[in-house]
Amino acid sequence: MARQLLEMGKEIKMLGIFDTYAGSSATGMEKVKEKIVRQLKKGPFIAKLFLDNPMQTLSYQLKISKRKLKPVFLKTKKLTKRFSPIKERFTKAMNLLIENIS
C-alpha cells in the first residue's frame, strides 16, 4: 500500500492499519455451529497446556467455565433452579479431578 501511494506521488509519514473482527452475521443454529467450531479449534492448544502443567490448566479451565456458565444459570430463577443440579455435579466432578491429579 505504501509503495502504491509513493508511486502516486504521495508523501507518507506513517502508514497504519487497524485490523478488527467484524463479527458474524450468522443467526440461530448457524451461530451455534460457529461457536462450537471455534471452541473445538482450542482443543489441541488446551491439551498441550494440560500435558505441560495439568493442575494449572484444570484450575484455569474450571475458573473460565464457571465464569462463562454463570450468566446462563443466573438469567432467570427458572433456569437457575433447572440447571442447579447440573452445575453442582460439574463443579464436584472438576474438583475431584483436580484433587486426584495433585
N, C-alpha and C. Protein backbone atom coordinates (compact mmCIF):
# COMPACT_ATOMS: atom_id res chain seq x y z
N MET A 1 0.82 -1.18 0.00
CA MET A 1 0.00 0.00 0.00
C MET A 1 0.88 1.26 0.00
N ALA A 2 1.94 1.23 0.81
CA ALA A 2 2.85 2.38 0.86
C ALA A 2 3.50 2.59 -0.50
N ARG A 3 3.90 1.51 -1.14
CA ARG A 3 4.54 1.62 -2.46
C ARG A 3 3.58 2.25 -3.47
N GLN A 4 2.34 1.83 -3.43
CA GLN A 4 1.35 2.38 -4.36
C GLN A 4 1.15 3.87 -4.12
N LEU A 5 1.10 4.27 -2.87
CA LEU A 5 0.93 5.69 -2.57
C LEU A 5 2.15 6.49 -3.01
N LEU A 6 3.35 5.93 -2.79
CA LEU A 6 4.57 6.62 -3.24
C LEU A 6 4.60 6.77 -4.76
N GLU A 7 4.17 5.73 -5.46
CA GLU A 7 4.12 5.78 -6.93
C GLU A 7 3.14 6.84 -7.41
N MET A 8 2.13 7.13 -6.60
CA MET A 8 1.16 8.17 -6.95
C MET A 8 1.65 9.55 -6.56
N GLY A 9 2.86 9.63 -5.98
CA GLY A 9 3.45 10.90 -5.61
C GLY A 9 3.03 11.40 -4.23
N LYS A 10 2.46 10.55 -3.44
CA LYS A 10 2.03 10.95 -2.09
C LYS A 10 3.20 10.84 -1.13
N GLU A 11 3.20 11.74 -0.13
CA GLU A 11 4.20 11.68 0.91
C GLU A 11 3.63 10.85 2.06
N ILE A 12 4.43 9.91 2.56
CA ILE A 12 3.96 9.03 3.62
C ILE A 12 4.84 9.23 4.84
N LYS A 13 4.21 9.67 5.93
CA LYS A 13 4.93 9.79 7.20
C LYS A 13 4.73 8.53 8.03
N MET A 14 3.55 8.00 7.97
CA MET A 14 3.26 6.77 8.70
C MET A 14 2.08 6.09 8.02
N LEU A 15 2.15 4.77 7.93
CA LEU A 15 1.05 4.00 7.39
C LEU A 15 0.64 2.98 8.44
N GLY A 16 -0.59 3.06 8.86
CA GLY A 16 -1.09 2.14 9.88
C GLY A 16 -2.36 1.47 9.40
N ILE A 17 -2.56 0.27 9.87
CA ILE A 17 -3.76 -0.48 9.52
C ILE A 17 -4.40 -0.98 10.81
N PHE A 18 -5.69 -0.77 10.95
CA PHE A 18 -6.43 -1.31 12.08
C PHE A 18 -7.13 -2.58 11.61
N ASP A 19 -6.80 -3.67 12.24
CA ASP A 19 -7.41 -4.95 11.90
C ASP A 19 -8.38 -5.32 13.01
N THR A 20 -9.66 -5.31 12.70
CA THR A 20 -10.66 -5.61 13.72
C THR A 20 -11.53 -6.77 13.27
N TYR A 21 -12.12 -7.43 14.24
CA TYR A 21 -13.04 -8.52 13.95
C TYR A 21 -14.43 -7.91 13.77
N ALA A 22 -15.00 -8.10 12.61
CA ALA A 22 -16.30 -7.51 12.31
C ALA A 22 -17.45 -8.35 12.82
N GLY A 23 -17.17 -9.52 13.28
CA GLY A 23 -18.24 -10.38 13.78
C GLY A 23 -18.88 -11.16 12.65
N SER A 24 -19.89 -11.89 13.00
CA SER A 24 -20.56 -12.75 12.05
C SER A 24 -22.01 -12.33 11.90
N SER A 25 -22.55 -12.54 10.75
CA SER A 25 -23.97 -12.23 10.53
C SER A 25 -24.84 -13.47 10.74
N ALA A 26 -24.21 -14.56 11.19
CA ALA A 26 -24.95 -15.80 11.39
C ALA A 26 -25.93 -15.66 12.55
N THR A 27 -27.04 -16.37 12.43
CA THR A 27 -28.04 -16.37 13.49
C THR A 27 -28.50 -17.81 13.73
N GLY A 28 -29.14 -18.00 14.86
CA GLY A 28 -29.72 -19.31 15.16
C GLY A 28 -28.68 -20.41 15.23
N MET A 29 -29.00 -21.52 14.59
CA MET A 29 -28.14 -22.70 14.65
C MET A 29 -26.80 -22.47 13.96
N GLU A 30 -26.77 -21.62 12.97
CA GLU A 30 -25.50 -21.31 12.29
C GLU A 30 -24.53 -20.64 13.27
N LYS A 31 -25.07 -19.76 14.11
CA LYS A 31 -24.24 -19.09 15.11
C LYS A 31 -23.73 -20.10 16.14
N VAL A 32 -24.59 -21.02 16.55
CA VAL A 32 -24.20 -22.07 17.49
C VAL A 32 -23.10 -22.92 16.88
N LYS A 33 -23.25 -23.26 15.60
CA LYS A 33 -22.24 -24.07 14.89
C LYS A 33 -20.89 -23.35 14.87
N GLU A 34 -20.91 -22.04 14.58
CA GLU A 34 -19.67 -21.27 14.56
C GLU A 34 -18.99 -21.27 15.93
N LYS A 35 -19.78 -21.13 16.99
CA LYS A 35 -19.20 -21.13 18.34
C LYS A 35 -18.57 -22.49 18.66
N ILE A 36 -19.26 -23.56 18.29
CA ILE A 36 -18.74 -24.91 18.55
C ILE A 36 -17.43 -25.13 17.80
N VAL A 37 -17.39 -24.75 16.54
CA VAL A 37 -16.17 -24.91 15.74
C VAL A 37 -15.04 -24.09 16.35
N ARG A 38 -15.35 -22.87 16.79
CA ARG A 38 -14.33 -22.01 17.39
C ARG A 38 -13.77 -22.65 18.67
N GLN A 39 -14.63 -23.26 19.47
CA GLN A 39 -14.18 -23.91 20.70
C GLN A 39 -13.37 -25.17 20.41
N LEU A 40 -13.78 -25.93 19.40
CA LEU A 40 -13.05 -27.16 19.05
C LEU A 40 -11.63 -26.86 18.59
N LYS A 41 -11.45 -25.71 17.95
CA LYS A 41 -10.11 -25.34 17.49
C LYS A 41 -9.16 -25.10 18.66
N LYS A 42 -9.71 -24.81 19.83
CA LYS A 42 -8.88 -24.58 21.02
C LYS A 42 -8.39 -25.90 21.64
N GLY A 43 -9.00 -27.00 21.28
CA GLY A 43 -8.71 -28.31 21.89
C GLY A 43 -7.24 -28.68 21.91
N PRO A 44 -6.56 -28.68 20.75
CA PRO A 44 -5.14 -29.07 20.76
C PRO A 44 -4.27 -28.17 21.64
N PHE A 45 -4.57 -26.88 21.65
CA PHE A 45 -3.81 -25.94 22.48
C PHE A 45 -4.00 -26.26 23.97
N ILE A 46 -5.26 -26.48 24.37
CA ILE A 46 -5.55 -26.80 25.77
C ILE A 46 -4.93 -28.14 26.15
N ALA A 47 -4.97 -29.11 25.23
CA ALA A 47 -4.38 -30.42 25.50
C ALA A 47 -2.87 -30.30 25.75
N LYS A 48 -2.18 -29.49 24.95
CA LYS A 48 -0.74 -29.29 25.15
C LYS A 48 -0.48 -28.63 26.50
N LEU A 49 -1.29 -27.62 26.83
CA LEU A 49 -1.13 -26.98 28.13
C LEU A 49 -1.34 -27.99 29.26
N PHE A 50 -2.34 -28.86 29.10
CA PHE A 50 -2.63 -29.86 30.12
C PHE A 50 -1.45 -30.81 30.30
N LEU A 51 -0.84 -31.23 29.20
CA LEU A 51 0.31 -32.12 29.29
C LEU A 51 1.50 -31.45 29.97
N ASP A 52 1.66 -30.15 29.71
CA ASP A 52 2.78 -29.42 30.31
C ASP A 52 2.54 -29.11 31.79
N ASN A 53 1.30 -28.75 32.14
CA ASN A 53 1.01 -28.35 33.51
C ASN A 53 -0.45 -28.67 33.83
N PRO A 54 -0.76 -29.92 34.19
CA PRO A 54 -2.16 -30.33 34.36
C PRO A 54 -2.92 -29.56 35.44
N MET A 55 -2.32 -29.32 36.59
CA MET A 55 -3.04 -28.65 37.68
C MET A 55 -3.44 -27.23 37.31
N GLN A 56 -2.48 -26.49 36.80
CA GLN A 56 -2.75 -25.10 36.45
C GLN A 56 -3.79 -25.02 35.32
N THR A 57 -3.70 -25.91 34.35
CA THR A 57 -4.64 -25.92 33.23
C THR A 57 -6.05 -26.25 33.71
N LEU A 58 -6.20 -27.29 34.52
CA LEU A 58 -7.53 -27.65 35.03
C LEU A 58 -8.13 -26.54 35.89
N SER A 59 -7.29 -25.97 36.73
CA SER A 59 -7.76 -24.89 37.58
C SER A 59 -8.25 -23.71 36.75
N TYR A 60 -7.47 -23.34 35.75
CA TYR A 60 -7.84 -22.22 34.89
C TYR A 60 -9.11 -22.53 34.09
N GLN A 61 -9.19 -23.73 33.53
CA GLN A 61 -10.37 -24.10 32.73
C GLN A 61 -11.62 -24.13 33.60
N LEU A 62 -11.52 -24.58 34.82
CA LEU A 62 -12.66 -24.58 35.74
C LEU A 62 -13.10 -23.15 36.02
N LYS A 63 -12.13 -22.29 36.28
CA LYS A 63 -12.44 -20.88 36.57
C LYS A 63 -13.15 -20.22 35.38
N ILE A 64 -12.63 -20.44 34.19
CA ILE A 64 -13.21 -19.86 32.98
C ILE A 64 -14.60 -20.44 32.73
N SER A 65 -14.74 -21.76 32.90
CA SER A 65 -16.04 -22.40 32.67
C SER A 65 -17.09 -21.84 33.62
N LYS A 66 -16.72 -21.68 34.87
CA LYS A 66 -17.66 -21.11 35.84
C LYS A 66 -18.06 -19.70 35.44
N ARG A 67 -17.09 -18.89 35.02
CA ARG A 67 -17.37 -17.51 34.65
C ARG A 67 -18.30 -17.43 33.43
N LYS A 68 -18.08 -18.32 32.47
CA LYS A 68 -18.91 -18.29 31.26
C LYS A 68 -20.29 -18.89 31.48
N LEU A 69 -20.38 -19.88 32.37
CA LEU A 69 -21.66 -20.53 32.62
C LEU A 69 -22.53 -19.76 33.61
N LYS A 70 -21.92 -18.96 34.47
CA LYS A 70 -22.67 -18.26 35.50
C LYS A 70 -23.80 -17.40 34.93
N PRO A 71 -23.57 -16.58 33.91
CA PRO A 71 -24.67 -15.77 33.36
C PRO A 71 -25.82 -16.63 32.83
N VAL A 72 -25.49 -17.78 32.28
CA VAL A 72 -26.52 -18.67 31.76
C VAL A 72 -27.40 -19.15 32.90
N PHE A 73 -26.79 -19.52 34.02
CA PHE A 73 -27.53 -20.03 35.15
C PHE A 73 -28.32 -18.94 35.87
N LEU A 74 -27.85 -17.71 35.77
CA LEU A 74 -28.49 -16.64 36.51
C LEU A 74 -29.50 -15.83 35.70
N LYS A 75 -29.70 -16.18 34.43
CA LYS A 75 -30.62 -15.42 33.59
C LYS A 75 -32.00 -15.30 34.24
N THR A 76 -32.52 -16.40 34.64
CA THR A 76 -33.81 -16.39 35.32
C THR A 76 -33.75 -17.39 36.46
N LYS A 77 -34.62 -17.20 37.42
CA LYS A 77 -34.65 -18.15 38.54
C LYS A 77 -35.05 -19.53 38.05
N LYS A 78 -35.88 -19.56 37.02
CA LYS A 78 -36.31 -20.84 36.46
C LYS A 78 -35.12 -21.62 35.92
N LEU A 79 -34.27 -20.95 35.16
CA LEU A 79 -33.08 -21.61 34.62
C LEU A 79 -32.15 -22.02 35.75
N THR A 80 -31.98 -21.15 36.74
CA THR A 80 -31.09 -21.47 37.84
C THR A 80 -31.56 -22.72 38.57
N LYS A 81 -32.87 -22.79 38.85
CA LYS A 81 -33.39 -23.97 39.53
C LYS A 81 -33.25 -25.22 38.66
N ARG A 82 -33.49 -25.04 37.38
CA ARG A 82 -33.44 -26.19 36.46
C ARG A 82 -32.03 -26.75 36.32
N PHE A 83 -31.03 -25.87 36.22
CA PHE A 83 -29.67 -26.32 35.96
C PHE A 83 -28.80 -26.41 37.20
N SER A 84 -29.32 -26.06 38.34
CA SER A 84 -28.53 -26.09 39.56
C SER A 84 -27.91 -27.46 39.84
N PRO A 85 -28.68 -28.56 39.70
CA PRO A 85 -28.06 -29.88 39.94
C PRO A 85 -26.92 -30.18 38.95
N ILE A 86 -27.06 -29.75 37.72
CA ILE A 86 -26.01 -29.97 36.72
C ILE A 86 -24.77 -29.17 37.09
N LYS A 87 -24.98 -27.93 37.51
CA LYS A 87 -23.86 -27.07 37.91
C LYS A 87 -23.12 -27.69 39.09
N GLU A 88 -23.88 -28.18 40.07
CA GLU A 88 -23.26 -28.80 41.24
C GLU A 88 -22.46 -30.04 40.86
N ARG A 89 -23.02 -30.88 40.00
CA ARG A 89 -22.31 -32.08 39.56
C ARG A 89 -21.05 -31.72 38.79
N PHE A 90 -21.15 -30.72 37.92
CA PHE A 90 -20.00 -30.27 37.13
C PHE A 90 -18.88 -29.79 38.06
N THR A 91 -19.24 -28.96 39.05
CA THR A 91 -18.25 -28.43 39.97
C THR A 91 -17.62 -29.55 40.79
N LYS A 92 -18.43 -30.48 41.29
CA LYS A 92 -17.90 -31.61 42.06
C LYS A 92 -16.95 -32.45 41.21
N ALA A 93 -17.35 -32.73 39.98
CA ALA A 93 -16.52 -33.55 39.09
C ALA A 93 -15.18 -32.87 38.81
N MET A 94 -15.20 -31.57 38.55
CA MET A 94 -13.96 -30.85 38.27
C MET A 94 -13.08 -30.81 39.53
N ASN A 95 -13.68 -30.59 40.69
CA ASN A 95 -12.89 -30.57 41.93
C ASN A 95 -12.27 -31.93 42.23
N LEU A 96 -13.04 -33.01 42.00
CA LEU A 96 -12.49 -34.35 42.20
C LEU A 96 -11.33 -34.62 41.25
N LEU A 97 -11.50 -34.20 40.01
CA LEU A 97 -10.46 -34.39 39.01
C LEU A 97 -9.18 -33.66 39.43
N ILE A 98 -9.34 -32.45 39.90
CA ILE A 98 -8.18 -31.67 40.34
C ILE A 98 -7.52 -32.33 41.55
N GLU A 99 -8.33 -32.81 42.50
CA GLU A 99 -7.78 -33.46 43.70
C GLU A 99 -7.02 -34.74 43.34
N ASN A 100 -7.57 -35.52 42.39
CA ASN A 100 -6.92 -36.78 42.02
C ASN A 100 -5.64 -36.60 41.26
N ILE A 101 -5.48 -35.48 40.58
CA ILE A 101 -4.26 -35.24 39.81
C ILE A 101 -3.14 -34.78 40.74
N SER A 102 -3.48 -34.04 41.78
CA SER A 102 -2.42 -33.49 42.65
C SER A 102 -1.95 -34.46 43.67
